[in-house]
């Protein structure tokens, strides 16, 4: 970290998919973003950072570090613990969906889930949760 300008060094922020570079980018954004005005803005800031450090399918490490740790990002998540909302940003969809854990019955022992392949998942999907049935395919599918 100390090698980069924002943390006292001489190097500019890296832009490749090397894990160390992605970490520096995330830390840089977290350090420089303004304090969010509300929960909506806080979630938006974190979602933008998660997207910025995500690795698309097929990406190649061009950093020269020799890292073999270039795994594609399957999804990003942001959790608002105050409002009990779990946001999901799958890579196989431009949409974001979320579950408001204040809506399902907290006293129920029933396990609820969504079909992760439902392409139209978008927005608040709390009412779309159904009794759990094991998923047989990995999520999201490899493009």
N, C-alpha and C. Protein backbone atom coordinates (compact mmCIF):
# COMPACT_ATOMS: atom_id res chain seq x y z
N UNK A 1 0.82 -1.19 0.00
CA UNK A 1 0.00 0.00 0.00
C UNK A 1 0.86 1.26 0.00
N UNK A 2 1.95 1.22 0.75
CA UNK A 2 2.79 2.41 0.89
C UNK A 2 3.48 2.81 -0.42
N UNK A 3 3.47 1.94 -1.41
CA UNK A 3 4.09 2.26 -2.71
C UNK A 3 3.22 3.20 -3.54
N UNK A 4 1.92 3.33 -3.18
CA UNK A 4 0.98 4.09 -4.00
C UNK A 4 0.77 5.50 -3.45
N UNK A 5 0.56 6.46 -4.36
CA UNK A 5 0.48 7.88 -4.03
C UNK A 5 -0.47 8.20 -2.88
N UNK A 6 -1.64 7.64 -2.91
CA UNK A 6 -2.63 7.94 -1.89
C UNK A 6 -2.19 7.51 -0.49
N UNK A 7 -1.23 6.58 -0.45
CA UNK A 7 -0.77 6.05 0.83
C UNK A 7 0.70 6.43 1.10
N UNK A 8 1.18 7.47 0.38
CA UNK A 8 2.52 8.00 0.65
C UNK A 8 3.60 7.62 -0.34
N UNK A 9 3.29 6.82 -1.36
CA UNK A 9 4.29 6.37 -2.32
C UNK A 9 4.29 7.19 -3.61
N UNK A 10 4.93 6.62 -4.63
CA UNK A 10 5.08 7.31 -5.91
C UNK A 10 4.23 6.72 -7.04
N UNK A 11 3.69 5.53 -6.86
CA UNK A 11 2.96 4.86 -7.94
C UNK A 11 1.51 5.31 -8.04
N UNK A 12 1.01 5.35 -9.28
CA UNK A 12 -0.41 5.63 -9.50
C UNK A 12 -1.22 4.38 -9.15
N UNK A 13 -2.52 4.56 -8.97
CA UNK A 13 -3.39 3.45 -8.65
C UNK A 13 -3.38 2.43 -9.79
N UNK A 14 -3.18 1.14 -9.49
CA UNK A 14 -3.14 0.11 -10.53
C UNK A 14 -4.52 -0.18 -11.10
N UNK A 15 -4.55 -0.70 -12.33
CA UNK A 15 -5.83 -0.97 -12.97
C UNK A 15 -5.98 -2.39 -13.49
N UNK A 16 -5.08 -3.28 -13.13
CA UNK A 16 -5.18 -4.64 -13.66
C UNK A 16 -5.98 -5.54 -12.71
N UNK A 17 -6.09 -6.84 -13.06
CA UNK A 17 -6.91 -7.77 -12.29
C UNK A 17 -6.13 -8.53 -11.23
N UNK A 18 -4.86 -8.22 -11.07
CA UNK A 18 -4.06 -8.85 -10.02
C UNK A 18 -4.74 -8.59 -8.67
N UNK A 19 -4.85 -9.59 -7.80
CA UNK A 19 -5.54 -9.39 -6.52
C UNK A 19 -4.99 -8.22 -5.70
N UNK A 20 -3.69 -8.05 -5.68
CA UNK A 20 -3.11 -6.93 -4.91
C UNK A 20 -3.54 -5.59 -5.51
N UNK A 21 -3.59 -5.50 -6.83
CA UNK A 21 -4.01 -4.27 -7.49
C UNK A 21 -5.47 -3.96 -7.18
N UNK A 22 -6.29 -4.98 -7.19
CA UNK A 22 -7.71 -4.79 -6.89
C UNK A 22 -7.89 -4.32 -5.45
N UNK A 23 -7.08 -4.86 -4.55
CA UNK A 23 -7.14 -4.44 -3.15
C UNK A 23 -6.77 -2.97 -3.01
N UNK A 24 -5.70 -2.54 -3.70
CA UNK A 24 -5.26 -1.14 -3.63
C UNK A 24 -6.37 -0.23 -4.17
N UNK A 25 -7.01 -0.62 -5.28
CA UNK A 25 -8.10 0.20 -5.83
C UNK A 25 -9.25 0.33 -4.84
N UNK A 26 -9.65 -0.79 -4.26
CA UNK A 26 -10.76 -0.74 -3.30
C UNK A 26 -10.41 0.13 -2.10
N UNK A 27 -9.20 -0.04 -1.57
CA UNK A 27 -8.78 0.77 -0.41
C UNK A 27 -8.71 2.24 -0.77
N UNK A 28 -8.25 2.55 -1.98
CA UNK A 28 -8.16 3.94 -2.42
C UNK A 28 -9.54 4.59 -2.49
N UNK A 29 -10.49 3.87 -3.07
CA UNK A 29 -11.84 4.42 -3.17
C UNK A 29 -12.48 4.58 -1.78
N UNK A 30 -12.28 3.59 -0.92
CA UNK A 30 -12.84 3.69 0.43
C UNK A 30 -12.26 4.89 1.18
N UNK A 31 -10.99 5.18 0.92
CA UNK A 31 -10.34 6.29 1.61
C UNK A 31 -10.78 7.65 1.07
N UNK A 32 -11.13 7.73 -0.21
CA UNK A 32 -11.39 9.04 -0.83
C UNK A 32 -12.85 9.38 -1.05
N UNK A 33 -13.74 8.42 -1.00
CA UNK A 33 -15.16 8.74 -1.20
C UNK A 33 -15.68 9.61 -0.06
N UNK A 34 -16.55 10.55 -0.38
CA UNK A 34 -17.11 11.39 0.70
C UNK A 34 -18.01 10.56 1.61
N UNK A 35 -18.19 11.05 2.81
CA UNK A 35 -19.08 10.37 3.75
C UNK A 35 -20.48 10.36 3.12
N UNK A 36 -21.12 9.19 3.09
CA UNK A 36 -22.44 9.12 2.47
C UNK A 36 -23.48 9.91 3.27
N UNK A 37 -24.41 10.50 2.55
CA UNK A 37 -25.46 11.30 3.18
C UNK A 37 -26.53 10.43 3.83
N UNK A 38 -26.69 9.19 3.31
CA UNK A 38 -27.72 8.30 3.83
C UNK A 38 -27.36 6.85 3.45
N UNK A 39 -28.20 5.92 3.88
CA UNK A 39 -27.95 4.50 3.62
C UNK A 39 -27.95 4.19 2.12
N UNK A 40 -28.83 4.83 1.38
CA UNK A 40 -28.91 4.60 -0.07
C UNK A 40 -27.57 4.96 -0.73
N UNK A 41 -27.02 6.11 -0.36
CA UNK A 41 -25.74 6.52 -0.93
C UNK A 41 -24.60 5.62 -0.46
N UNK A 42 -24.64 5.16 0.77
CA UNK A 42 -23.61 4.25 1.28
C UNK A 42 -23.60 2.95 0.49
N UNK A 43 -24.79 2.39 0.26
CA UNK A 43 -24.89 1.16 -0.53
C UNK A 43 -24.41 1.41 -1.94
N UNK A 44 -24.77 2.54 -2.52
CA UNK A 44 -24.34 2.88 -3.89
C UNK A 44 -22.82 2.98 -3.98
N UNK A 45 -22.19 3.62 -2.99
CA UNK A 45 -20.73 3.73 -2.98
C UNK A 45 -20.08 2.35 -2.93
N UNK A 46 -20.56 1.50 -2.03
CA UNK A 46 -19.96 0.17 -1.88
C UNK A 46 -20.20 -0.70 -3.12
N UNK A 47 -21.37 -0.58 -3.72
CA UNK A 47 -21.65 -1.34 -4.94
C UNK A 47 -20.72 -0.90 -6.07
N UNK A 48 -20.48 0.39 -6.18
CA UNK A 48 -19.57 0.90 -7.22
C UNK A 48 -18.16 0.37 -7.01
N UNK A 49 -17.71 0.33 -5.78
CA UNK A 49 -16.36 -0.20 -5.49
C UNK A 49 -16.31 -1.68 -5.83
N UNK A 50 -17.33 -2.43 -5.43
CA UNK A 50 -17.35 -3.87 -5.72
C UNK A 50 -17.30 -4.12 -7.22
N UNK A 51 -18.04 -3.34 -8.00
CA UNK A 51 -18.02 -3.50 -9.47
C UNK A 51 -16.65 -3.14 -10.03
N UNK A 52 -16.02 -2.13 -9.45
CA UNK A 52 -14.73 -1.67 -9.96
C UNK A 52 -13.62 -2.70 -9.76
N UNK A 53 -13.71 -3.49 -8.74
CA UNK A 53 -12.66 -4.48 -8.48
C UNK A 53 -13.06 -5.89 -8.91
N UNK A 54 -14.23 -6.03 -9.52
CA UNK A 54 -14.67 -7.33 -10.02
C UNK A 54 -13.83 -7.74 -11.23
N UNK A 55 -13.69 -9.04 -11.43
CA UNK A 55 -12.95 -9.58 -12.56
C UNK A 55 -13.93 -10.24 -13.52
N UNK A 56 -14.05 -9.73 -14.76
CA UNK A 56 -14.98 -10.34 -15.71
C UNK A 56 -14.49 -11.71 -16.19
N UNK A 57 -15.42 -12.54 -16.62
CA UNK A 57 -15.06 -13.85 -17.17
C UNK A 57 -14.14 -13.66 -18.37
N UNK A 58 -13.06 -14.41 -18.40
CA UNK A 58 -12.12 -14.35 -19.51
C UNK A 58 -11.00 -13.34 -19.34
N UNK A 59 -11.01 -12.57 -18.25
CA UNK A 59 -9.96 -11.57 -18.03
C UNK A 59 -8.61 -12.25 -17.83
N UNK A 60 -7.57 -11.59 -18.30
CA UNK A 60 -6.20 -12.10 -18.17
C UNK A 60 -5.42 -11.13 -17.30
N UNK A 61 -4.58 -11.66 -16.43
CA UNK A 61 -3.74 -10.82 -15.58
C UNK A 61 -2.63 -10.22 -16.43
N UNK A 62 -2.67 -8.91 -16.61
CA UNK A 62 -1.67 -8.20 -17.41
C UNK A 62 -0.68 -7.43 -16.55
N UNK A 63 -0.69 -7.71 -15.24
CA UNK A 63 0.16 -6.95 -14.32
C UNK A 63 1.62 -7.35 -14.40
N UNK A 64 1.88 -8.55 -14.91
CA UNK A 64 3.25 -9.04 -14.93
C UNK A 64 3.67 -9.67 -13.61
N UNK A 65 2.72 -9.79 -12.69
CA UNK A 65 3.05 -10.35 -11.37
C UNK A 65 3.19 -11.86 -11.40
N UNK A 66 2.72 -12.48 -12.46
CA UNK A 66 2.79 -13.93 -12.55
C UNK A 66 1.72 -14.61 -11.70
N UNK A 67 0.75 -13.85 -11.22
CA UNK A 67 -0.30 -14.41 -10.38
C UNK A 67 -1.14 -15.40 -11.17
N UNK A 68 -1.43 -16.51 -10.55
CA UNK A 68 -2.35 -17.48 -11.16
C UNK A 68 -3.71 -17.38 -10.48
N UNK A 69 -3.86 -16.36 -9.65
CA UNK A 69 -5.08 -16.18 -8.87
C UNK A 69 -6.04 -15.21 -9.55
N UNK A 70 -6.36 -15.47 -10.83
CA UNK A 70 -7.28 -14.61 -11.57
C UNK A 70 -8.57 -15.40 -11.78
N UNK A 71 -9.44 -15.29 -10.80
CA UNK A 71 -10.71 -15.99 -10.86
C UNK A 71 -11.80 -14.98 -11.15
N UNK A 72 -12.74 -15.31 -12.02
CA UNK A 72 -13.80 -14.35 -12.33
C UNK A 72 -14.71 -14.12 -11.13
N UNK A 73 -15.27 -12.94 -11.06
CA UNK A 73 -16.22 -12.60 -10.02
C UNK A 73 -17.57 -13.19 -10.42
N UNK A 74 -18.18 -13.91 -9.54
CA UNK A 74 -19.50 -14.51 -9.82
C UNK A 74 -20.63 -13.57 -9.44
N UNK A 75 -20.47 -12.85 -8.34
CA UNK A 75 -21.44 -11.85 -7.93
C UNK A 75 -20.80 -10.96 -6.88
N UNK A 76 -21.36 -9.80 -6.73
CA UNK A 76 -20.96 -8.90 -5.67
C UNK A 76 -22.13 -8.73 -4.72
N UNK A 77 -21.84 -8.45 -3.46
CA UNK A 77 -22.91 -8.23 -2.50
C UNK A 77 -22.58 -7.03 -1.61
N UNK A 78 -23.60 -6.39 -1.15
CA UNK A 78 -23.49 -5.32 -0.17
C UNK A 78 -24.57 -5.60 0.87
N UNK A 79 -24.20 -5.49 2.14
CA UNK A 79 -25.15 -5.76 3.22
C UNK A 79 -25.35 -4.49 4.04
N UNK A 80 -26.60 -4.09 4.17
CA UNK A 80 -26.98 -2.98 5.03
C UNK A 80 -27.48 -3.59 6.33
N UNK A 81 -26.58 -3.67 7.32
CA UNK A 81 -26.93 -4.32 8.58
C UNK A 81 -27.97 -3.53 9.38
N UNK A 82 -27.96 -2.22 9.24
CA UNK A 82 -28.92 -1.38 9.97
C UNK A 82 -30.34 -1.66 9.53
N UNK A 83 -30.55 -1.76 8.22
CA UNK A 83 -31.91 -1.94 7.68
C UNK A 83 -32.20 -3.38 7.29
N UNK A 84 -31.25 -4.29 7.52
CA UNK A 84 -31.41 -5.73 7.25
C UNK A 84 -31.71 -6.03 5.78
N UNK A 85 -30.95 -5.36 4.91
CA UNK A 85 -31.15 -5.57 3.47
C UNK A 85 -29.87 -6.13 2.87
N UNK A 86 -30.02 -7.20 2.08
CA UNK A 86 -28.90 -7.88 1.43
C UNK A 86 -29.02 -7.67 -0.07
N UNK A 87 -28.06 -6.92 -0.65
CA UNK A 87 -28.06 -6.60 -2.07
C UNK A 87 -27.17 -7.59 -2.82
N UNK A 88 -27.62 -8.04 -3.99
CA UNK A 88 -26.87 -8.99 -4.81
C UNK A 88 -26.73 -8.40 -6.21
N UNK A 89 -25.48 -8.45 -6.73
CA UNK A 89 -25.19 -7.95 -8.08
C UNK A 89 -24.58 -9.10 -8.89
N UNK A 90 -25.42 -9.94 -9.52
CA UNK A 90 -24.88 -11.06 -10.29
C UNK A 90 -24.19 -10.58 -11.57
N UNK A 91 -23.18 -11.31 -11.99
CA UNK A 91 -22.46 -10.91 -13.20
C UNK A 91 -23.21 -11.28 -14.47
N UNK A 92 -24.21 -12.13 -14.36
CA UNK A 92 -24.94 -12.55 -15.56
C UNK A 92 -26.18 -11.70 -15.79
N UNK A 93 -26.26 -10.54 -15.13
CA UNK A 93 -27.41 -9.66 -15.28
C UNK A 93 -26.98 -8.22 -15.00
N UNK A 94 -27.55 -7.26 -15.71
CA UNK A 94 -27.26 -5.87 -15.41
C UNK A 94 -28.05 -5.37 -14.20
N UNK A 95 -28.98 -6.18 -13.71
CA UNK A 95 -29.85 -5.76 -12.62
C UNK A 95 -29.25 -6.08 -11.25
N UNK A 96 -29.69 -5.33 -10.27
CA UNK A 96 -29.37 -5.59 -8.86
C UNK A 96 -30.66 -6.02 -8.20
N UNK A 97 -30.58 -7.04 -7.34
CA UNK A 97 -31.77 -7.39 -6.57
C UNK A 97 -31.39 -7.47 -5.11
N UNK A 98 -32.41 -7.37 -4.25
CA UNK A 98 -32.13 -7.41 -2.83
C UNK A 98 -33.26 -8.08 -2.07
N UNK A 99 -32.88 -8.56 -0.88
CA UNK A 99 -33.84 -9.16 0.04
C UNK A 99 -33.86 -8.30 1.29
N UNK A 100 -35.04 -7.88 1.66
CA UNK A 100 -35.24 -7.13 2.89
C UNK A 100 -35.58 -8.15 3.97
N UNK A 101 -34.62 -8.44 4.85
CA UNK A 101 -34.84 -9.46 5.86
C UNK A 101 -35.77 -9.01 6.98
N UNK A 102 -36.33 -7.81 6.87
CA UNK A 102 -37.35 -7.37 7.80
C UNK A 102 -38.73 -7.86 7.36
N UNK A 103 -38.84 -8.35 6.12
CA UNK A 103 -40.14 -8.78 5.58
C UNK A 103 -40.50 -10.24 5.87
N UNK A 104 -39.60 -11.21 5.66
CA UNK A 104 -39.99 -12.60 5.97
C UNK A 104 -40.23 -12.77 7.48
N UNK A 105 -41.00 -13.77 7.83
CA UNK A 105 -41.30 -14.06 9.24
C UNK A 105 -40.04 -14.57 9.93
N UNK A 106 -39.50 -13.77 10.82
CA UNK A 106 -38.25 -14.12 11.52
C UNK A 106 -38.44 -15.30 12.46
N UNK A 107 -39.65 -15.62 12.82
CA UNK A 107 -39.91 -16.74 13.74
C UNK A 107 -40.12 -18.06 13.01
N UNK A 108 -40.18 -18.01 11.70
CA UNK A 108 -40.40 -19.22 10.91
C UNK A 108 -39.12 -20.04 10.83
N UNK A 109 -39.25 -21.36 10.84
CA UNK A 109 -38.09 -22.24 10.68
C UNK A 109 -37.94 -22.67 9.22
N UNK A 110 -38.85 -22.23 8.37
CA UNK A 110 -38.80 -22.58 6.96
C UNK A 110 -37.59 -21.92 6.28
N UNK A 111 -36.89 -22.68 5.47
CA UNK A 111 -35.75 -22.15 4.70
C UNK A 111 -36.29 -21.66 3.36
N UNK A 112 -35.99 -20.39 3.05
CA UNK A 112 -36.48 -19.78 1.82
C UNK A 112 -35.32 -19.51 0.87
N UNK A 113 -35.64 -19.49 -0.42
CA UNK A 113 -34.60 -19.25 -1.44
C UNK A 113 -35.24 -18.67 -2.70
N UNK A 114 -34.36 -18.30 -3.62
CA UNK A 114 -34.76 -17.80 -4.94
C UNK A 114 -34.14 -18.69 -6.00
N UNK A 115 -34.70 -18.67 -7.19
CA UNK A 115 -34.07 -19.33 -8.32
C UNK A 115 -33.02 -18.38 -8.87
N UNK A 116 -31.74 -18.65 -8.68
CA UNK A 116 -30.70 -17.72 -9.11
C UNK A 116 -30.61 -17.56 -10.62
N UNK A 117 -31.26 -18.44 -11.37
CA UNK A 117 -31.25 -18.34 -12.83
C UNK A 117 -32.39 -17.48 -13.37
N UNK A 118 -33.27 -17.02 -12.50
CA UNK A 118 -34.39 -16.19 -12.95
C UNK A 118 -33.84 -14.86 -13.45
N UNK A 119 -33.80 -14.69 -14.74
CA UNK A 119 -33.17 -13.54 -15.38
C UNK A 119 -33.84 -12.22 -15.02
N UNK A 120 -35.09 -12.27 -14.61
CA UNK A 120 -35.81 -11.04 -14.31
C UNK A 120 -35.72 -10.61 -12.84
N UNK A 121 -34.82 -11.24 -12.08
CA UNK A 121 -34.65 -10.80 -10.70
C UNK A 121 -34.13 -9.37 -10.71
N UNK A 122 -34.87 -8.48 -10.10
CA UNK A 122 -34.49 -7.07 -10.06
C UNK A 122 -35.25 -6.40 -8.93
N UNK A 123 -34.59 -5.49 -8.24
CA UNK A 123 -35.25 -4.76 -7.17
C UNK A 123 -35.49 -5.63 -5.95
N UNK A 124 -36.50 -5.28 -5.17
CA UNK A 124 -36.82 -6.00 -3.94
C UNK A 124 -37.49 -7.32 -4.30
N UNK A 125 -36.82 -8.43 -4.01
CA UNK A 125 -37.36 -9.76 -4.33
C UNK A 125 -37.81 -10.50 -3.07
N UNK A 126 -37.96 -9.78 -1.98
CA UNK A 126 -38.31 -10.38 -0.68
C UNK A 126 -39.58 -11.22 -0.76
N UNK A 127 -40.56 -10.78 -1.53
CA UNK A 127 -41.83 -11.51 -1.62
C UNK A 127 -41.74 -12.69 -2.60
N UNK A 128 -40.62 -12.82 -3.31
CA UNK A 128 -40.45 -13.92 -4.27
C UNK A 128 -39.76 -15.12 -3.64
N UNK A 129 -39.35 -15.02 -2.38
CA UNK A 129 -38.71 -16.15 -1.71
C UNK A 129 -39.70 -17.29 -1.58
N UNK A 130 -39.24 -18.50 -1.90
CA UNK A 130 -40.08 -19.70 -1.84
C UNK A 130 -39.38 -20.75 -1.00
N UNK A 131 -40.11 -21.79 -0.62
CA UNK A 131 -39.50 -22.88 0.12
C UNK A 131 -38.29 -23.41 -0.63
N UNK A 132 -37.23 -23.69 0.08
CA UNK A 132 -35.95 -24.08 -0.50
C UNK A 132 -36.02 -25.44 -1.18
N UNK A 133 -35.46 -25.49 -2.38
CA UNK A 133 -35.22 -26.74 -3.09
C UNK A 133 -33.77 -26.65 -3.56
N UNK A 134 -32.96 -27.66 -3.29
CA UNK A 134 -31.54 -27.58 -3.66
C UNK A 134 -31.31 -27.22 -5.12
N UNK A 135 -30.36 -26.33 -5.36
CA UNK A 135 -30.00 -25.92 -6.72
C UNK A 135 -28.98 -26.93 -7.24
N UNK A 136 -29.21 -27.42 -8.43
CA UNK A 136 -28.34 -28.46 -8.99
C UNK A 136 -27.21 -27.92 -9.86
N UNK A 137 -27.30 -26.64 -10.27
CA UNK A 137 -26.29 -26.06 -11.16
C UNK A 137 -25.56 -24.94 -10.42
N UNK A 138 -24.30 -24.67 -10.77
CA UNK A 138 -23.59 -23.56 -10.12
C UNK A 138 -24.17 -22.22 -10.56
N UNK A 139 -24.00 -21.22 -9.70
CA UNK A 139 -24.53 -19.89 -10.02
C UNK A 139 -23.40 -18.87 -9.97
N UNK A 140 -23.38 -17.92 -10.88
CA UNK A 140 -24.11 -17.93 -12.14
C UNK A 140 -23.41 -18.86 -13.12
N UNK A 141 -24.09 -19.23 -14.20
CA UNK A 141 -23.45 -20.13 -15.17
C UNK A 141 -22.26 -19.46 -15.83
N UNK A 142 -21.28 -20.23 -16.17
CA UNK A 142 -20.12 -19.72 -16.87
C UNK A 142 -20.55 -19.31 -18.28
N UNK A 143 -20.26 -18.06 -18.67
CA UNK A 143 -20.69 -17.62 -20.01
C UNK A 143 -20.01 -18.42 -21.12
